[in-house]
Amino acid sequence: MNDDRFITEQGQEAQVAAIIAPDIHALGFRLVRVRLSQMNGLTLQIMAERPDGSMSVSDCEAVSNAISPILDVEDPINAAYHLEVSSPGIDRPLVRRSDFDLWAGHVAKLETSQMVNDASGRGRKRFKGRIIKVDGEGVLFHREDAASDEEREFTLTFNDIADAKLVLSDDLIREALRRDKALRKANGIEDDEETTPDN
């Protein structure tokens, strides 16, 4: 099954993603997101992870060391910037179909590229709800933000979703820590090696 990102960048961020994605992949990681922000002047944030979802501090350093010289040569940003490589964090962006599968049962905020009408005929672009499952070419979720005359269960097609992110909750934190511990054990990583902070 194709598990490429279906939520991708635009403009300058897309140029950066196209430059660095092959090298990140060659190192055994997956690109999650590229974002330029005005933090600390100008910051280029690269989120990446291993295919199993893990990402340690040393992994971040390895990715940073690999892509820094490539960005220096290609020079896609015509200004001084700070490079930051991090894990996706607990309240991570959801950019692949497998992300929705993996985090089913948890609450996400989703934004569509255009107005989407539900059965009541009401259109909206922002949704919040608990992911139930990946359903064909979309995701079925139980809406927490539905009005009394709106459907509680709603499917958004992947083509309509422009942005998606998990919502931080106690349940999500517990599950993320449980998965991280299991991955560390499976990979033989010592418990005292910290992952990067959440973003």
Protein backbone atom coordinates (compact mmCIF):
# COMPACT_ATOMS: atom_id res chain seq x y z
CA MET A 1 0.00 0.00 0.00
CA ASN A 2 1.23 3.49 -0.88
CA ASP A 3 1.91 5.35 2.37
CA ASP A 4 3.28 8.59 1.00
CA ARG A 5 2.29 11.82 2.70
CA PHE A 6 -1.04 13.11 1.38
CA ILE A 7 -0.70 16.34 3.36
CA THR A 8 2.30 18.17 1.91
CA GLU A 9 3.79 21.64 1.81
CA GLN A 10 3.30 24.51 -0.62
CA GLY A 11 5.66 27.12 -2.03
CA GLN A 12 9.09 27.51 -0.45
CA GLU A 13 8.41 24.79 2.12
CA ALA A 14 7.61 22.35 -0.72
CA GLN A 15 10.93 23.22 -2.39
CA VAL A 16 12.78 22.42 0.82
CA ALA A 17 10.86 19.14 1.23
CA ALA A 18 11.72 18.06 -2.32
CA ILE A 19 15.42 18.76 -1.68
CA ILE A 20 15.77 16.95 1.64
CA ALA A 21 13.22 14.10 1.48
CA PRO A 22 15.41 11.69 -0.58
CA ASP A 23 18.36 12.06 1.81
CA ILE A 24 16.15 11.69 4.90
CA HIS A 25 14.70 8.53 3.34
CA ALA A 26 18.18 7.22 2.49
CA LEU A 27 19.10 7.51 6.18
CA GLY A 28 16.12 5.31 7.10
CA PHE A 29 13.76 8.08 8.25
CA ARG A 30 10.50 9.54 6.96
CA LEU A 31 9.81 13.23 6.46
CA VAL A 32 6.76 14.35 8.44
CA ARG A 33 6.65 18.10 7.89
CA VAL A 34 8.64 21.14 6.78
CA ARG A 35 7.66 24.49 8.25
CA LEU A 36 9.17 27.97 8.03
CA SER A 37 8.29 30.24 10.93
CA GLN A 38 9.31 33.66 12.26
CA MET A 39 10.48 32.11 15.53
CA ASN A 40 13.99 33.34 16.50
CA GLY A 41 14.12 35.47 13.36
CA LEU A 42 13.51 32.71 10.83
CA THR A 43 13.38 29.00 11.72
CA LEU A 44 13.22 26.07 9.33
CA GLN A 45 11.62 23.23 11.26
CA ILE A 46 12.00 19.71 9.90
CA MET A 47 9.95 16.96 11.54
CA ALA A 48 11.09 13.42 10.84
CA GLU A 49 10.73 9.95 12.32
CA ARG A 50 11.73 6.35 11.82
CA PRO A 51 9.13 4.17 10.07
CA ASP A 52 8.20 2.74 13.49
CA GLY A 53 7.44 6.26 14.78
CA SER A 54 10.47 6.64 17.03
CA MET A 55 12.94 9.54 16.90
CA SER A 56 15.76 10.05 19.41
CA VAL A 57 18.01 13.03 19.99
CA SER A 58 20.85 11.26 18.16
CA ASP A 59 18.47 10.55 15.25
CA CYS A 60 17.67 14.26 15.04
CA GLU A 61 21.40 15.06 15.03
CA ALA A 62 22.03 12.54 12.25
CA VAL A 63 19.29 14.05 10.08
CA SER A 64 20.50 17.59 10.79
CA ASN A 65 24.11 16.69 9.92
CA ALA A 66 22.98 15.07 6.67
CA ILE A 67 20.70 17.81 5.39
CA SER A 68 22.61 20.93 6.53
CA PRO A 69 25.27 20.75 3.79
CA ILE A 70 22.61 19.94 1.17
CA LEU A 71 20.59 23.00 2.15
CA ASP A 72 23.77 25.09 2.12
CA VAL A 73 24.50 24.03 -1.48
CA GLU A 74 20.92 24.20 -2.81
CA ASP A 75 20.18 27.41 -0.88
CA PRO A 76 16.35 27.34 -1.19
CA ILE A 77 15.85 30.09 1.43
CA ASN A 78 17.19 33.53 0.56
CA ALA A 79 17.67 34.62 4.17
CA ALA A 80 19.55 33.57 7.28
CA TYR A 81 17.65 30.93 9.23
CA HIS A 82 17.96 28.55 12.15
CA LEU A 83 17.61 24.83 11.31
CA GLU A 84 15.64 22.75 13.80
CA VAL A 85 15.19 19.00 13.37
CA SER A 86 12.72 17.35 15.73
CA SER A 87 10.38 14.45 16.30
CA PRO A 88 6.70 15.03 15.49
CA GLY A 89 5.90 15.24 19.21
CA ILE A 90 2.93 13.78 21.03
CA ASP A 91 0.32 16.11 19.51
CA ARG A 92 1.78 15.28 16.12
CA PRO A 93 0.62 16.21 12.65
CA LEU A 94 -1.17 13.40 10.80
CA VAL A 95 0.15 13.35 7.22
CA ARG A 96 -0.16 9.71 6.09
CA ARG A 97 -3.06 7.27 6.00
CA SER A 98 -1.13 5.04 8.38
CA ASP A 99 -1.03 7.93 10.92
CA PHE A 100 -4.83 7.84 11.12
CA ASP A 101 -4.79 4.04 11.45
CA LEU A 102 -2.13 4.15 14.15
CA TRP A 103 -3.85 6.82 16.23
CA ALA A 104 -7.46 5.62 15.85
CA GLY A 105 -9.33 6.19 19.11
CA HIS A 106 -7.69 9.56 19.75
CA VAL A 107 -8.99 13.08 19.10
CA ALA A 108 -7.75 15.12 16.16
CA LYS A 109 -8.35 18.55 14.69
CA LEU A 110 -8.81 18.47 10.93
CA GLU A 111 -9.02 21.29 8.42
CA THR A 112 -10.24 20.91 4.85
CA SER A 113 -9.05 22.72 1.74
CA GLN A 114 -12.62 23.80 0.94
CA MET A 115 -16.04 23.90 2.60
CA VAL A 116 -17.48 20.43 3.23
CA ASN A 117 -21.22 19.97 3.74
CA ASP A 118 -22.64 17.38 6.13
CA ALA A 119 -26.09 15.77 5.86
CA SER A 120 -27.71 18.88 7.36
CA GLY A 121 -26.28 20.95 4.50
CA ARG A 122 -24.10 22.97 6.85
CA GLY A 123 -20.66 23.69 5.44
CA ARG A 124 -17.48 24.01 7.45
CA LYS A 125 -13.71 23.72 7.06
CA ARG A 126 -12.67 22.85 10.62
CA PHE A 127 -13.58 19.67 12.44
CA LYS A 128 -12.66 18.10 15.77
CA GLY A 129 -13.36 14.50 16.69
CA ARG A 130 -12.22 11.08 17.76
CA ILE A 131 -10.75 9.03 14.91
CA ILE A 132 -12.77 5.85 14.47
CA LYS A 133 -11.04 4.27 11.48
CA VAL A 134 -9.66 4.73 8.00
CA ASP A 135 -12.61 4.06 5.73
CA GLY A 136 -11.62 3.50 2.09
CA GLU A 137 -10.39 6.84 0.75
CA GLY A 138 -11.15 8.78 3.90
CA VAL A 139 -11.29 8.81 7.68
CA LEU A 140 -14.40 8.20 9.79
CA PHE A 141 -14.48 10.13 13.04
CA HIS A 142 -16.90 10.93 15.86
CA ARG A 143 -17.28 14.69 15.98
CA GLU A 144 -16.95 16.47 19.30
CA ASP A 145 -17.75 19.86 17.78
CA ALA A 146 -21.05 18.93 16.09
CA ALA A 147 -24.09 21.12 16.66
CA SER A 148 -27.34 19.44 17.74
CA ASP A 149 -28.57 19.23 14.13
CA GLU A 150 -25.29 17.94 12.70
CA GLU A 151 -24.10 14.38 12.24
CA ARG A 152 -21.93 13.01 15.04
CA GLU A 153 -20.16 10.46 12.83
CA PHE A 154 -18.67 11.97 9.73
CA THR A 155 -16.26 10.87 6.99
CA LEU A 156 -13.76 13.22 5.38
CA THR A 157 -11.99 12.06 2.24
CA PHE A 158 -8.20 12.28 2.28
CA ASN A 159 -8.40 14.54 -0.80
CA ASP A 160 -10.35 17.09 1.26
CA ILE A 161 -8.03 17.14 4.29
CA ALA A 162 -5.51 19.99 4.19
CA ASP A 163 -4.25 19.75 7.77
CA ALA A 164 -4.64 17.31 10.65
CA LYS A 165 -3.16 17.14 14.11
CA LEU A 166 -3.69 15.09 17.25
CA VAL A 167 -5.14 16.95 20.23
CA LEU A 168 -3.11 16.69 23.42
CA SER A 169 -4.93 14.75 26.15
CA ASP A 170 -4.05 12.59 29.14
CA ASP A 171 -5.03 9.47 27.17
CA LEU A 172 -2.83 10.48 24.25
CA ILE A 173 0.15 11.20 26.53
CA ARG A 174 -0.22 7.81 28.26
CA GLU A 175 -0.49 5.99 24.92
CA ALA A 176 2.46 7.86 23.39
CA LEU A 177 4.65 7.08 26.42
CA ARG A 178 3.58 3.42 26.36
CA ARG A 179 4.44 3.12 22.65
CA ASP A 180 7.74 4.93 23.11
CA LYS A 181 8.74 2.59 25.93
CA ALA A 182 7.81 -0.46 23.84
CA LEU A 183 9.82 0.84 20.86
CA ARG A 184 12.85 1.56 23.06
CA LYS A 185 12.72 -1.94 24.47
CA ALA A 186 12.34 -3.49 21.01
CA ASN A 187 15.26 -1.41 19.70
CA GLY A 188 17.48 -1.99 22.75
CA ILE A 189 17.65 1.71 23.62
CA GLU A 190 18.47 2.75 27.17
CA ASP A 191 15.64 4.44 29.08
CA ASP A 192 17.77 7.47 29.94
CA GLU A 193 18.09 8.61 26.32
CA GLU A 194 15.47 11.30 25.86
CA THR A 195 13.53 12.01 22.71
CA THR A 196 13.22 15.57 21.48
CA PRO A 197 10.69 17.85 23.19
CA ASP A 198 7.17 18.21 21.83
CA ASN A 199 6.48 21.04 19.47
